[in-house]
Every structure is written in structure tokens, then in C-alpha cells.
């Protein structure tokens, strides 16, 4: 199979909203990996985590009041973090690099933010914007579908209501 055909197949797979239920976790010692059930050559992997991107101090004043000058995207992050009433997850928002692979060959890479607080929240969101393409949204859903976090469904509802999902073409991939 030629690389362009592989990319096109993966793009079409990510455009399919039903694809999220067709990925399953593969146990790896040091990284998260999801494999497509119908073609084991296709996988989604966490390549690496970078340092914490945000902390509590970023969103709140010293009096623990939400800052007024936050962007819409930053307010979105706070909404997801508010699922955990202590907001302790604002201190553990890390940038992660994820990759869609074919036979361990990177096809598409993207940076996401991971909001985590023990077992209550473990959720990836876009890194920079509320505007994302439909295939990126489905990628987020695939990754989040395989999270065991307690409040995963609350976070999924927030993402459904807040993100502006745009139709894509293969050229956007």
C-alpha cells in the first residue's frame, strides 16, 4: 500500500464518528497505545509528555478568585477542571504529543493538553483553540473513550458543548 493511500485510509477512519468504539488499549509498559480492532497496523500512541503547562496560579488570583482576563480557551480549561470541586487538576495540565501510526510509522502528530487528577479526571483537549477539525475531534474522542476517569462523561459533555467542530478535507490532515 502506498503512503498516500495509507494516509487517506487513516483520514477516512478518523472522519468516521463510529471509529471511537473500534480502538482498544494495548498494554505497554511505559506509554499509552490504542490499536484499531480491524487493522492492527493502525494505532494511536502517546509519544511523550512535556512539563506541566498550566498551574492553579495561572487561572486564579492570589485570593483564589478566577482571573477576569482569561481567553475563551482558558475558560474552557477551567470548566473541565471544575468537574473536580477542589480544582487541584489545574496544577497537572500537561502537554502531550500523540501520534497516529501505521506499522509504527508516524502518519499524523498532534499536541494535546491532558487534564488529570487521580481517578476523577483524565481527559485530553486541544492544545490551543476551541476551533478544531472533525477528524481531530474524533481523535480526541478515541483517546478519551479509553480513559477510566470517574468524571469522563462530564468532561465529554463539556467538550461537545464548547468546541467549534469544523468540517475538514484530506488537505487539512
C-alpha atoms as a PDB file:
ATOM      1  CA  UNK A   1       0.000   0.000   0.000  1.00  0.00           C
ATOM      2  CA  UNK A   2       1.344   3.461  -0.915  1.00  0.00           C
ATOM      3  CA  UNK A   3       1.796   6.148   1.740  1.00  0.00           C
ATOM      4  CA  UNK A   4      -0.871   8.420   0.207  1.00  0.00           C
ATOM      5  CA  UNK A   5      -3.375   5.564   0.312  1.00  0.00           C
ATOM      6  CA  UNK A   6      -2.499   4.826   3.932  1.00  0.00           C
ATOM      7  CA  UNK A   7      -2.918   8.482   4.899  1.00  0.00           C
ATOM      8  CA  UNK A   8      -6.233   8.654   3.068  1.00  0.00           C
ATOM      9  CA  UNK A   9      -7.476   5.477   4.809  1.00  0.00           C
ATOM     10  CA  UNK A  10      -6.494   6.816   8.218  1.00  0.00           C
ATOM     11  CA  UNK A  11      -8.089  10.188   7.487  1.00  0.00           C
ATOM     12  CA  UNK A  12     -11.335   8.456   6.459  1.00  0.00           C
ATOM     13  CA  UNK A  13     -11.198   6.346   9.595  1.00  0.00           C
ATOM     14  CA  UNK A  14     -10.820   9.456  11.755  1.00  0.00           C
ATOM     15  CA  UNK A  15     -13.707  11.159   9.949  1.00  0.00           C
ATOM     16  CA  UNK A  16     -15.974   8.272  10.943  1.00  0.00           C
ATOM     17  CA  UNK A  17     -17.703   9.165  14.212  1.00  0.00           C
ATOM     18  CA  UNK A  18     -18.246   5.454  14.932  1.00  0.00           C
ATOM     19  CA  UNK A  19     -14.488   4.771  14.913  1.00  0.00           C
ATOM     20  CA  UNK A  20     -14.069   5.612  18.585  1.00  0.00           C
ATOM     21  CA  UNK A  21     -15.554   2.301  19.660  1.00  0.00           C
ATOM     22  CA  UNK A  22     -13.208   0.388  17.348  1.00  0.00           C
ATOM     23  CA  UNK A  23      -9.998   1.187  19.210  1.00  0.00           C
ATOM     24  CA  UNK A  24      -8.756  -0.753  22.192  1.00  0.00           C
ATOM     25  CA  UNK A  25      -5.991  -0.266  24.697  1.00  0.00           C
ATOM     26  CA  UNK A  26      -2.829  -2.247  24.203  1.00  0.00           C
ATOM     27  CA  UNK A  27      -0.798  -2.741  27.331  1.00  0.00           C
ATOM     28  CA  UNK A  28       2.558  -1.099  27.012  1.00  0.00           C
ATOM     29  CA  UNK A  29       4.896  -0.684  29.930  1.00  0.00           C
ATOM     30  CA  UNK A  30       5.751   2.963  29.507  1.00  0.00           C
ATOM     31  CA  UNK A  31       3.197   4.532  27.163  1.00  0.00           C
ATOM     32  CA  UNK A  32      -0.436   4.663  26.224  1.00  0.00           C
ATOM     33  CA  UNK A  33      -1.291   2.940  22.965  1.00  0.00           C
ATOM     34  CA  UNK A  34      -4.622   2.287  21.257  1.00  0.00           C
ATOM     35  CA  UNK A  35      -4.932  -0.147  18.364  1.00  0.00           C
ATOM     36  CA  UNK A  36      -7.624  -0.273  15.711  1.00  0.00           C
ATOM     37  CA  UNK A  37      -9.517  -3.562  16.039  1.00  0.00           C
ATOM     38  CA  UNK A  38      -9.884  -4.197  12.312  1.00  0.00           C
ATOM     39  CA  UNK A  39      -6.355  -3.356  11.218  1.00  0.00           C
ATOM     40  CA  UNK A  40      -3.716  -3.923  13.889  1.00  0.00           C
ATOM     41  CA  UNK A  41      -1.249  -1.882  11.831  1.00  0.00           C
ATOM     42  CA  UNK A  42      -3.127   1.325  12.749  1.00  0.00           C
ATOM     43  CA  UNK A  43      -2.559   2.701  16.222  1.00  0.00           C
ATOM     44  CA  UNK A  44      -2.721   5.896  18.259  1.00  0.00           C
ATOM     45  CA  UNK A  45       0.146   6.378  20.686  1.00  0.00           C
ATOM     46  CA  UNK A  46       1.226   8.813  23.322  1.00  0.00           C
ATOM     47  CA  UNK A  47       4.758   9.706  22.281  1.00  0.00           C
ATOM     48  CA  UNK A  48       5.743  11.814  25.240  1.00  0.00           C
ATOM     49  CA  UNK A  49       4.593  14.222  27.902  1.00  0.00           C
ATOM     50  CA  UNK A  50       6.102  17.624  28.327  1.00  0.00           C
ATOM     51  CA  UNK A  51       6.245  19.565  31.543  1.00  0.00           C
ATOM     52  CA  UNK A  52       3.134  20.997  33.166  1.00  0.00           C
ATOM     53  CA  UNK A  53       1.732  23.739  31.021  1.00  0.00           C
ATOM     54  CA  UNK A  54      -0.623  25.388  33.489  1.00  0.00           C
ATOM     55  CA  UNK A  55      -0.948  25.687  37.245  1.00  0.00           C
ATOM     56  CA  UNK A  56      -3.571  26.954  39.658  1.00  0.00           C
ATOM     57  CA  UNK A  57      -1.814  30.326  39.831  1.00  0.00           C
ATOM     58  CA  UNK A  58      -2.298  30.814  36.110  1.00  0.00           C
ATOM     59  CA  UNK A  59      -6.113  30.849  36.317  1.00  0.00           C
ATOM     60  CA  UNK A  60      -6.688  32.393  39.734  1.00  0.00           C
ATOM     61  CA  UNK A  61      -5.655  35.478  41.681  1.00  0.00           C
ATOM     62  CA  UNK A  62      -3.832  35.203  44.982  1.00  0.00           C
ATOM     63  CA  UNK A  63      -7.282  35.486  46.618  1.00  0.00           C
ATOM     64  CA  UNK A  64      -8.349  32.316  44.769  1.00  0.00           C
ATOM     65  CA  UNK A  65     -10.732  34.209  42.507  1.00  0.00           C
ATOM     66  CA  UNK A  66     -10.907  33.363  38.796  1.00  0.00           C
ATOM     67  CA  UNK A  67      -8.970  35.928  36.765  1.00  0.00           C
ATOM     68  CA  UNK A  68     -11.103  38.150  34.549  1.00  0.00           C
ATOM     69  CA  UNK A  69      -8.808  38.356  31.523  1.00  0.00           C
ATOM     70  CA  UNK A  70      -8.825  34.662  30.592  1.00  0.00           C
ATOM     71  CA  UNK A  71      -9.340  33.739  26.947  1.00  0.00           C
ATOM     72  CA  UNK A  72     -12.316  31.618  25.903  1.00  0.00           C
ATOM     73  CA  UNK A  73      -9.974  28.644  25.606  1.00  0.00           C
ATOM     74  CA  UNK A  74      -8.617  29.170  29.124  1.00  0.00           C
ATOM     75  CA  UNK A  75     -12.187  29.443  30.459  1.00  0.00           C
ATOM     76  CA  UNK A  76     -12.887  26.128  28.721  1.00  0.00           C
ATOM     77  CA  UNK A  77      -9.952  24.537  30.572  1.00  0.00           C
ATOM     78  CA  UNK A  78     -11.320  25.844  33.879  1.00  0.00           C
ATOM     79  CA  UNK A  79     -14.773  24.374  33.073  1.00  0.00           C
ATOM     80  CA  UNK A  80     -13.235  20.945  32.623  1.00  0.00           C
ATOM     81  CA  UNK A  81     -11.196  21.379  35.811  1.00  0.00           C
ATOM     82  CA  UNK A  82     -14.298  22.440  37.761  1.00  0.00           C
ATOM     83  CA  UNK A  83     -15.553  18.856  37.475  1.00  0.00           C
ATOM     84  CA  UNK A  84     -13.123  18.235  40.327  1.00  0.00           C
ATOM     85  CA  UNK A  85     -14.518  20.536  43.017  1.00  0.00           C
ATOM     86  CA  UNK A  86     -11.077  21.129  44.545  1.00  0.00           C
ATOM     87  CA  UNK A  87      -9.720  22.324  41.164  1.00  0.00           C
ATOM     88  CA  UNK A  88      -6.479  20.533  42.010  1.00  0.00           C
ATOM     89  CA  UNK A  89      -6.245  19.344  38.394  1.00  0.00           C
ATOM     90  CA  UNK A  90      -5.287  22.886  37.347  1.00  0.00           C
ATOM     91  CA  UNK A  91      -1.839  22.042  38.710  1.00  0.00           C
ATOM     92  CA  UNK A  92      -1.497  18.998  36.496  1.00  0.00           C
ATOM     93  CA  UNK A  93      -2.267  20.054  32.944  1.00  0.00           C
ATOM     94  CA  UNK A  94       0.477  18.717  30.732  1.00  0.00           C
ATOM     95  CA  UNK A  95       1.198  18.977  27.066  1.00  0.00           C
ATOM     96  CA  UNK A  96       1.311  15.612  25.325  1.00  0.00           C
ATOM     97  CA  UNK A  97       2.352  14.624  21.838  1.00  0.00           C
ATOM     98  CA  UNK A  98       0.137  11.955  20.282  1.00  0.00           C
ATOM     99  CA  UNK A  99       0.750  10.158  17.027  1.00  0.00           C
ATOM    100  CA  UNK A 100      -1.341   8.129  14.635  1.00  0.00           C
ATOM    101  CA  UNK A 101       0.837   5.381  13.258  1.00  0.00           C
ATOM    102  CA  UNK A 102       0.769   2.771  10.570  1.00  0.00           C
ATOM    103  CA  UNK A 103       3.189  -0.106  11.271  1.00  0.00           C
ATOM    104  CA  UNK A 104       4.853   2.154  13.866  1.00  0.00           C
ATOM    105  CA  UNK A 105       5.467   4.790  11.186  1.00  0.00           C
ATOM    106  CA  UNK A 106       4.122   8.233  12.202  1.00  0.00           C
ATOM    107  CA  UNK A 107       1.364   9.440   9.885  1.00  0.00           C
ATOM    108  CA  UNK A 108      -0.076  12.352  11.875  1.00  0.00           C
ATOM    109  CA  UNK A 109       1.203  14.053  15.030  1.00  0.00           C
ATOM    110  CA  UNK A 110      -0.648  16.443  17.277  1.00  0.00           C
ATOM    111  CA  UNK A 111      -0.125  18.165  20.593  1.00  0.00           C
ATOM    112  CA  UNK A 112      -2.910  17.921  23.138  1.00  0.00           C
ATOM    113  CA  UNK A 113      -3.383  19.017  26.718  1.00  0.00           C
ATOM    114  CA  UNK A 114      -4.031  16.352  29.306  1.00  0.00           C
ATOM    115  CA  UNK A 115      -6.022  17.358  32.376  1.00  0.00           C
ATOM    116  CA  UNK A 116      -5.569  14.827  35.127  1.00  0.00           C
ATOM    117  CA  UNK A 117      -6.495  14.443  38.769  1.00  0.00           C
ATOM    118  CA  UNK A 118      -6.032  10.946  40.117  1.00  0.00           C
ATOM    119  CA  UNK A 119      -9.041   8.860  39.068  1.00  0.00           C
ATOM    120  CA  UNK A 120     -11.616  11.639  38.707  1.00  0.00           C
ATOM    121  CA  UNK A 121     -10.328  13.406  35.587  1.00  0.00           C
ATOM    122  CA  UNK A 122      -8.001  12.125  32.886  1.00  0.00           C
ATOM    123  CA  UNK A 123      -9.003  13.916  29.746  1.00  0.00           C
ATOM    124  CA  UNK A 124      -7.294  15.281  26.624  1.00  0.00           C
ATOM    125  CA  UNK A 125      -8.364  18.502  24.954  1.00  0.00           C
ATOM    126  CA  UNK A 126      -6.950  20.537  22.067  1.00  0.00           C
ATOM    127  CA  UNK A 127      -3.790  22.400  22.942  1.00  0.00           C
ATOM    128  CA  UNK A 128      -4.608  25.906  21.756  1.00  0.00           C
ATOM    129  CA  UNK A 129      -8.062  26.545  20.414  1.00  0.00           C
ATOM    130  CA  UNK A 130     -11.760  25.769  20.641  1.00  0.00           C
ATOM    131  CA  UNK A 131     -11.828  25.541  16.823  1.00  0.00           C
ATOM    132  CA  UNK A 132     -10.842  22.070  15.637  1.00  0.00           C
ATOM    133  CA  UNK A 133     -11.434  19.889  12.607  1.00  0.00           C
ATOM    134  CA  UNK A 134     -13.826  16.953  12.735  1.00  0.00           C
ATOM    135  CA  UNK A 135     -11.043  14.359  12.417  1.00  0.00           C
ATOM    136  CA  UNK A 136      -9.207  15.999  15.357  1.00  0.00           C
ATOM    137  CA  UNK A 137     -12.408  15.895  17.399  1.00  0.00           C
ATOM    138  CA  UNK A 138     -12.808  12.191  16.654  1.00  0.00           C
ATOM    139  CA  UNK A 139      -9.181  11.630  17.640  1.00  0.00           C
ATOM    140  CA  UNK A 140      -9.901  13.322  20.996  1.00  0.00           C
ATOM    141  CA  UNK A 141     -12.967  11.124  21.422  1.00  0.00           C
ATOM    142  CA  UNK A 142     -10.991   7.947  20.677  1.00  0.00           C
ATOM    143  CA  UNK A 143      -8.365   8.832  23.278  1.00  0.00           C
ATOM    144  CA  UNK A 144     -10.931   9.946  25.860  1.00  0.00           C
ATOM    145  CA  UNK A 145     -13.167   6.942  25.235  1.00  0.00           C
ATOM    146  CA  UNK A 146     -10.363   4.747  26.536  1.00  0.00           C
ATOM    147  CA  UNK A 147      -9.938   6.681  29.774  1.00  0.00           C
ATOM    148  CA  UNK A 148     -11.164   5.161  33.018  1.00  0.00           C
ATOM    149  CA  UNK A 149     -11.645   8.506  34.759  1.00  0.00           C
ATOM    150  CA  UNK A 150     -14.622   8.817  37.056  1.00  0.00           C
ATOM    151  CA  UNK A 151     -15.955  12.051  35.525  1.00  0.00           C
ATOM    152  CA  UNK A 152     -15.108  11.251  31.901  1.00  0.00           C
ATOM    153  CA  UNK A 153     -18.705  11.674  30.718  1.00  0.00           C
ATOM    154  CA  UNK A 154     -18.963  15.101  32.350  1.00  0.00           C
ATOM    155  CA  UNK A 155     -15.813  16.183  30.519  1.00  0.00           C
ATOM    156  CA  UNK A 156     -17.104  14.751  27.229  1.00  0.00           C
ATOM    157  CA  UNK A 157     -20.310  16.800  27.607  1.00  0.00           C
ATOM    158  CA  UNK A 158     -18.287  19.964  28.174  1.00  0.00           C
ATOM    159  CA  UNK A 159     -16.154  19.304  25.101  1.00  0.00           C
ATOM    160  CA  UNK A 160     -19.277  18.647  22.985  1.00  0.00           C
ATOM    161  CA  UNK A 161     -20.802  21.961  24.072  1.00  0.00           C
ATOM    162  CA  UNK A 162     -17.713  24.158  23.906  1.00  0.00           C
ATOM    163  CA  UNK A 163     -15.714  23.130  20.852  1.00  0.00           C
ATOM    164  CA  UNK A 164     -16.374  24.502  17.396  1.00  0.00           C
ATOM    165  CA  UNK A 165     -16.008  21.427  15.176  1.00  0.00           C
ATOM    166  CA  UNK A 166     -15.272  22.260  11.544  1.00  0.00           C
ATOM    167  CA  UNK A 167     -15.635  20.018   8.514  1.00  0.00           C
ATOM    168  CA  UNK A 168     -12.280  19.041   7.071  1.00  0.00           C
ATOM    169  CA  UNK A 169     -10.904  17.850   3.799  1.00  0.00           C
ATOM    170  CA  UNK A 170      -7.996  15.487   3.265  1.00  0.00           C
ATOM    171  CA  UNK A 171      -5.770  18.545   2.683  1.00  0.00           C
ATOM    172  CA  UNK A 172      -6.363  19.600   6.309  1.00  0.00           C
ATOM    173  CA  UNK A 173      -4.973  16.287   7.548  1.00  0.00           C
END
